[in-house]
Amino acid sequence: MNLPIGGGGGGSVRRTIGLVVVIIVLILISTLSVSSCSVTVESGYMGIKTTKFGPNPGVQRSELGPGFHWEGIGEKIRTYQTLQRTYSYTREPNADGRENEEITFSDVLGLPMTADVALTFRIREDKAADLYATWRQEFDAFIDGPLRTSVRAAIARETEKLPVACNAQQSATPNVQPIAPGAPVAAPGTPDADDCPGQLIGPGRQIVLQRAMQALQREWTPQGLEIIRMEWVGSIRYPETVLAAIQSRTTAEQNTRAALERVNLERANAEARIAQARGQAEANRLLAESIRSNPEVVRLREIERTLGICPLSADTCVVGSDINVSALIEARDARAGGGG
């Protein structure tokens, strides 16, 4: 029996097309399977695998380096960034987060304050799996949760040891004792004052941050998180009542010191007048002694005063009209000038 040539060719074409379609479908299925069951770990990250089956389910303590990794049934691979990173906990939205993440704390009296803090850190590549096994949180959730809580607690422990400002802890009318002219005076509310070893408004602000960072390093370094730097972002937001108290205290101290300066100036002027009076009294005493020891001085003074017209023993002296007093005065002055 002979088959038509044309019919056999059509069946071969259909089989070829079907084979091509099957191959394409298999390729698509394989591609989808590979893309859905694999993870690519980028440079600067480490992969952490968790498994649900097998002899050792849970977090696998061997980190996966950069590259392509197959994700089998019951397995999950997540990535942890190991590059150095700076994260800012701020009140206003920023590139790190849209929510309010400001750090809250208080001073030794419990006065509440807030501030923005920037933290620079990195995760050790050989500790990424251990860190995840301890906290079981994704990288961003770990930064927003346990790490932020630790930062806030470390800062709060240090700020609770200091006053926000020494001026705010004292009365608005200080009891300032008079000071001697030129005597050095310690500025109130600074570490130089005897009654104020430190304050958050001043050098204590940076001391607190440094000590808090050291505490964070002691806490997190063994867990594989290296704290590199911590900084204030802007200034601390102090309560308005504290700022008003500080301003009132500062104004009162300035007024008191101005009054003390005026008192000291008046005291100096009085001492100068006393010294001048003592000098004049001493001059009078010396003159009196000179007159007592030289009676001729008195006689000479009287002669000069009467121009030689009246006798020295007379109580009253009348100058006649024939005497030219002006000529006598000119003659006396001429003799005095010629004698000089």
Foldseek 3Di string as FASTA:
>chain_A
DDDDPVVVVVVVVVVVVVVVVVVVVVVVVVVVQQVVFKDFAAPQKWKWKAFDDDPDGGTDLDIHHGGMGGHDPRMDIAIAGFDKDKDKQAQPDDPLGHHHRWAWAAALVRFIWTFMKIWIKGFDRSQPSLLCRVVVDHRSVCCSPPVSVLLNVLLRVLRSHFAQWPLLVDDLQDDDDQDAPPDDDDDHGACVDPVHVDHCPPPSVVVSQVRSLVVVQVVCVVSRMHTDDMDTDDGMGGDPVSVVSNVSSVVNVVVVVVVSVVVNVVVVVVVVVVVVVVVVVVVVVVVVVVCVVPVVVVVVVVCVVVLVPDDPPDPDDDDDPVDDVVVSVVVVVVVVVVVD
